[in-house]
Amino acid sequence: MLLRVRDLTKTYPGAEGPVQVLSGIDLDLGDGETLALTGESGSGKSTLLHLIAGLEPADGGTILLAGKDVGKLGDGGRAALRRGTVGVVFQQFNLIPSLTVAGNIAFQARLAGRHDPDGAAQLAQRLGLGDHLAKYPEALSGGQQQRVAIARVLAARPRLVLADEPTGNLDEATAERVLDLMLELVAEAGAALMVVTHSERLASRLGRRAHLSRGRIA
């Protein structure tokens, strides 16, 4: 099993005391599987992705990713996991403003030691970014920045792709094309894909669904 989550809990401080965001989450995901993570705003979907990627510490429970206990890794170990095993498509893009589109796409692949210039150029072309490679993020629309963020993760060929509303800034036709490409590329790599989404249409395209409600998977 690529990902195994057991009894995961997370609490944040609130104005009136601690707020329980995740309450005993259990989740499994194997190589090649695709999963839609749905739920109302504030149900903990993005938090769960961040915990799996080692971006935040859990309060309790375990996350085993590619045989490693994420909670027992130090900062260096979690960073290494994000370089080589897991890629995150953030809702806010998190592009590097000082790098061109081409540089942003290559960034994570270089860190992982998997940079393929020809493959990256083909990926950019397929995502409609071929004419924008020399531009900087500030010159792009929100939808174009979203596609760069997706390309950056896919170019590194991680075993697990975590995507937080990856088509939220795209029109419906472009969203369909981007999702098709994501599914095609993760299938080619034998990778797993977990997508946070509010879109019923997108969720229906993935192999499985997990619905978060009141901090639990319903």
Protein backbone atom coordinates (compact mmCIF):
# COMPACT_ATOMS: atom_id res chain seq x y z
CA MET A 1 0.00 0.00 0.00
CA LEU A 2 1.48 3.35 -1.05
CA LEU A 3 -0.43 5.41 1.53
CA ARG A 4 -1.93 4.22 4.81
CA VAL A 5 -3.51 6.71 7.22
CA ARG A 6 -4.72 5.52 10.60
CA ASP A 7 -6.63 7.37 13.36
CA LEU A 8 -5.32 10.76 12.20
CA THR A 9 -6.27 13.77 14.31
CA LYS A 10 -5.58 17.49 14.00
CA THR A 11 -6.68 20.41 16.18
CA TYR A 12 -6.19 24.14 15.67
CA PRO A 13 -6.53 26.87 18.30
CA GLY A 14 -9.71 28.91 18.04
CA ALA A 15 -11.11 32.03 19.65
CA GLU A 16 -13.31 29.93 21.94
CA GLY A 17 -10.91 27.04 22.43
CA PRO A 18 -9.41 24.22 20.34
CA VAL A 19 -11.15 23.33 17.08
CA GLN A 20 -11.04 19.66 16.09
CA VAL A 21 -10.49 19.60 12.32
CA LEU A 22 -9.74 15.90 11.82
CA SER A 23 -11.05 13.21 14.18
CA GLY A 24 -9.72 9.72 13.60
CA ILE A 25 -9.20 9.60 9.82
CA ASP A 26 -8.50 6.19 8.23
CA LEU A 27 -7.54 6.09 4.55
CA ASP A 28 -5.68 3.78 2.16
CA LEU A 29 -4.43 4.49 -1.35
CA GLY A 30 -2.49 2.12 -3.57
CA ASP A 31 -0.17 2.72 -6.51
CA GLY A 32 -2.18 3.66 -9.58
CA GLU A 33 -5.38 4.49 -7.66
CA THR A 34 -7.23 7.79 -8.04
CA LEU A 35 -9.32 9.28 -5.24
CA ALA A 36 -11.61 12.31 -5.00
CA LEU A 37 -11.69 13.92 -1.55
CA THR A 38 -14.93 15.85 -1.17
CA GLY A 39 -16.66 17.75 1.63
CA GLU A 40 -17.93 21.15 2.65
CA SER A 41 -15.59 24.12 3.02
CA GLY A 42 -13.78 23.87 6.34
CA SER A 43 -14.24 20.10 6.60
CA GLY A 44 -10.46 19.49 6.72
CA LYS A 45 -9.73 18.43 3.15
CA SER A 46 -6.75 20.73 2.59
CA THR A 47 -5.49 20.01 6.10
CA LEU A 48 -5.48 16.28 5.35
CA LEU A 49 -3.43 16.85 2.19
CA HIS A 50 -0.93 18.99 4.09
CA LEU A 51 -0.51 16.35 6.80
CA ILE A 52 0.06 13.58 4.24
CA ALA A 53 2.70 15.73 2.49
CA GLY A 54 4.45 16.44 5.79
CA LEU A 55 3.77 20.17 5.56
CA GLU A 56 2.14 20.21 9.00
CA PRO A 57 2.42 17.84 11.98
CA ALA A 58 -0.54 15.73 13.02
CA ASP A 59 -1.67 15.70 16.65
CA GLY A 60 -2.17 11.95 16.65
CA GLY A 61 -2.37 8.87 14.45
CA THR A 62 0.01 7.63 11.77
CA ILE A 63 0.72 8.35 8.11
CA LEU A 64 2.73 5.70 6.29
CA LEU A 65 3.82 6.87 2.85
CA ALA A 66 5.94 4.58 0.67
CA GLY A 67 6.85 2.65 3.80
CA LYS A 68 7.94 5.71 5.79
CA ASP A 69 6.24 7.05 8.90
CA VAL A 70 5.79 10.73 8.02
CA GLY A 71 5.31 11.72 11.66
CA LYS A 72 8.71 10.33 12.65
CA LEU A 73 10.65 12.10 9.92
CA GLY A 74 12.64 15.24 10.64
CA ASP A 75 12.48 18.35 8.48
CA GLY A 76 15.07 16.93 6.09
CA GLY A 77 13.25 13.62 5.77
CA ARG A 78 9.92 15.29 5.02
CA ALA A 79 11.57 17.57 2.46
CA ALA A 80 13.17 14.53 0.79
CA LEU A 81 9.76 12.86 0.67
CA ARG A 82 8.30 15.88 -1.13
CA ARG A 83 11.24 15.97 -3.55
CA GLY A 84 11.05 12.35 -4.62
CA THR A 85 7.80 10.67 -3.58
CA VAL A 86 4.92 13.12 -3.27
CA GLY A 87 4.03 16.21 -5.30
CA VAL A 88 1.50 18.83 -4.21
CA VAL A 89 -0.56 21.06 -6.50
CA PHE A 90 -1.47 23.93 -4.19
CA GLN A 91 -4.68 25.92 -4.42
CA GLN A 92 -2.63 29.15 -4.35
CA PHE A 93 -0.16 27.87 -6.99
CA ASN A 94 3.02 28.75 -4.98
CA LEU A 95 4.99 29.49 -8.15
CA ILE A 96 8.46 31.02 -7.80
CA PRO A 97 8.15 34.61 -9.10
CA SER A 98 11.83 34.91 -10.02
CA LEU A 99 11.67 31.88 -12.35
CA THR A 100 10.15 31.72 -15.82
CA VAL A 101 7.41 29.23 -16.66
CA ALA A 102 10.09 26.86 -17.97
CA GLY A 103 12.11 27.31 -14.77
CA ASN A 104 9.09 26.70 -12.55
CA ILE A 105 8.17 23.53 -14.44
CA ALA A 106 11.74 22.21 -14.15
CA PHE A 107 12.22 23.19 -10.50
CA GLN A 108 10.84 20.15 -8.67
CA ALA A 109 12.09 17.70 -11.30
CA ARG A 110 15.63 19.06 -10.85
CA LEU A 111 15.38 18.60 -7.08
CA ALA A 112 14.23 15.03 -7.62
CA GLY A 113 17.02 14.34 -10.13
CA ARG A 114 14.45 13.61 -12.85
CA HIS A 115 14.61 16.66 -15.08
CA ASP A 116 13.92 15.76 -18.71
CA PRO A 117 14.01 18.93 -20.86
CA ASP A 118 12.27 17.32 -23.83
CA GLY A 119 9.61 15.74 -21.64
CA ALA A 120 9.03 19.02 -19.79
CA ALA A 121 8.63 20.89 -23.09
CA GLN A 122 6.12 18.30 -24.33
CA LEU A 123 4.21 18.51 -21.06
CA ALA A 124 4.06 22.31 -21.32
CA GLN A 125 2.81 22.05 -24.88
CA ARG A 126 0.08 19.60 -23.91
CA LEU A 127 -1.04 21.95 -21.14
CA GLY A 128 -1.24 24.90 -23.53
CA LEU A 129 1.86 26.59 -22.11
CA GLY A 130 4.20 26.18 -25.06
CA ASP A 131 4.02 29.86 -26.01
CA HIS A 132 4.56 31.07 -22.43
CA LEU A 133 7.77 29.31 -21.37
CA ALA A 134 9.86 32.50 -21.26
CA LYS A 135 7.26 34.46 -19.27
CA TYR A 136 7.25 35.02 -15.52
CA PRO A 137 4.25 34.10 -13.32
CA GLU A 138 3.12 37.72 -12.92
CA ALA A 139 2.48 37.89 -16.68
CA LEU A 140 0.12 34.90 -16.61
CA SER A 141 -3.59 34.61 -15.92
CA GLY A 142 -4.79 32.65 -12.92
CA GLY A 143 -5.70 29.71 -15.14
CA GLN A 144 -2.27 29.70 -16.77
CA GLN A 145 -0.56 29.81 -13.37
CA GLN A 146 -2.69 26.85 -12.30
CA ARG A 147 -1.50 24.86 -15.32
CA VAL A 148 2.13 25.72 -14.55
CA ALA A 149 1.64 24.46 -10.98
CA ILE A 150 0.22 21.19 -12.32
CA ALA A 151 3.05 20.84 -14.86
CA ARG A 152 5.68 21.42 -12.16
CA VAL A 153 4.40 18.49 -10.13
CA LEU A 154 3.83 16.12 -13.04
CA ALA A 155 7.28 16.84 -14.54
CA ALA A 156 8.90 15.41 -11.38
CA ARG A 157 7.00 12.11 -11.77
CA PRO A 158 6.17 11.52 -8.07
CA ARG A 159 4.54 8.31 -6.86
CA LEU A 160 1.70 10.27 -5.24
CA VAL A 161 0.14 13.47 -6.56
CA LEU A 162 -1.93 15.51 -4.08
CA ALA A 163 -3.97 18.19 -5.83
CA ASP A 164 -6.01 20.85 -4.00
CA GLU A 165 -8.78 22.06 -6.35
CA PRO A 166 -6.44 21.68 -9.37
CA THR A 167 -8.99 22.92 -11.90
CA GLY A 168 -10.66 25.55 -9.72
CA ASN A 169 -9.32 28.47 -11.79
CA LEU A 170 -10.02 26.92 -15.18
CA ASP A 171 -13.04 27.13 -17.43
CA GLU A 172 -14.98 23.89 -17.87
CA ALA A 173 -13.50 22.91 -21.24
CA THR A 174 -9.91 23.57 -20.12
CA ALA A 175 -10.57 21.81 -16.81
CA GLU A 176 -11.66 18.69 -18.69
CA ARG A 177 -8.52 18.73 -20.85
CA VAL A 178 -6.24 19.26 -17.84
CA LEU A 179 -7.92 16.49 -15.87
CA ASP A 180 -7.62 14.16 -18.86
CA LEU A 181 -3.91 14.89 -19.01
CA MET A 182 -3.41 14.44 -15.26
CA LEU A 183 -5.16 11.09 -15.34
CA GLU A 184 -3.20 10.03 -18.42
CA LEU A 185 0.18 10.99 -16.95
CA VAL A 186 -0.35 9.45 -13.52
CA ALA A 187 -1.56 6.27 -15.22
CA GLU A 188 1.55 6.19 -17.42
CA ALA A 189 3.74 6.55 -14.33
CA GLY A 190 1.72 4.11 -12.22
CA ALA A 191 1.30 6.93 -9.70
CA ALA A 192 -1.59 7.54 -7.33
CA LEU A 193 -3.68 10.71 -7.42
CA MET A 194 -5.72 12.30 -4.62
CA VAL A 195 -7.75 15.35 -5.59
CA VAL A 196 -9.58 17.75 -3.28
CA THR A 197 -12.55 19.04 -5.20
CA HIS A 198 -16.00 20.60 -4.88
CA SER A 199 -16.79 19.58 -8.45
CA GLU A 200 -19.17 16.65 -8.78
CA ARG A 201 -18.15 16.36 -12.41
CA LEU A 202 -14.46 16.02 -11.55
CA ALA A 203 -15.09 13.66 -8.63
CA SER A 204 -17.07 11.33 -10.88
CA ARG A 205 -14.02 10.90 -13.12
CA LEU A 206 -11.86 9.43 -10.37
CA GLY A 207 -11.77 5.82 -9.28
CA ARG A 208 -12.91 6.28 -5.68
CA ARG A 209 -14.39 8.92 -3.45
CA ALA A 210 -13.94 9.79 0.23
CA HIS A 211 -16.26 12.39 1.77
CA LEU A 212 -15.08 14.39 4.78
CA SER A 213 -17.74 15.56 7.20
CA ARG A 214 -17.18 16.92 10.72
CA GLY A 215 -13.61 15.75 10.71
CA ARG A 216 -14.38 12.18 9.70
CA ILE A 217 -14.66 10.25 6.47
CA ALA A 218 -18.33 9.49 6.01
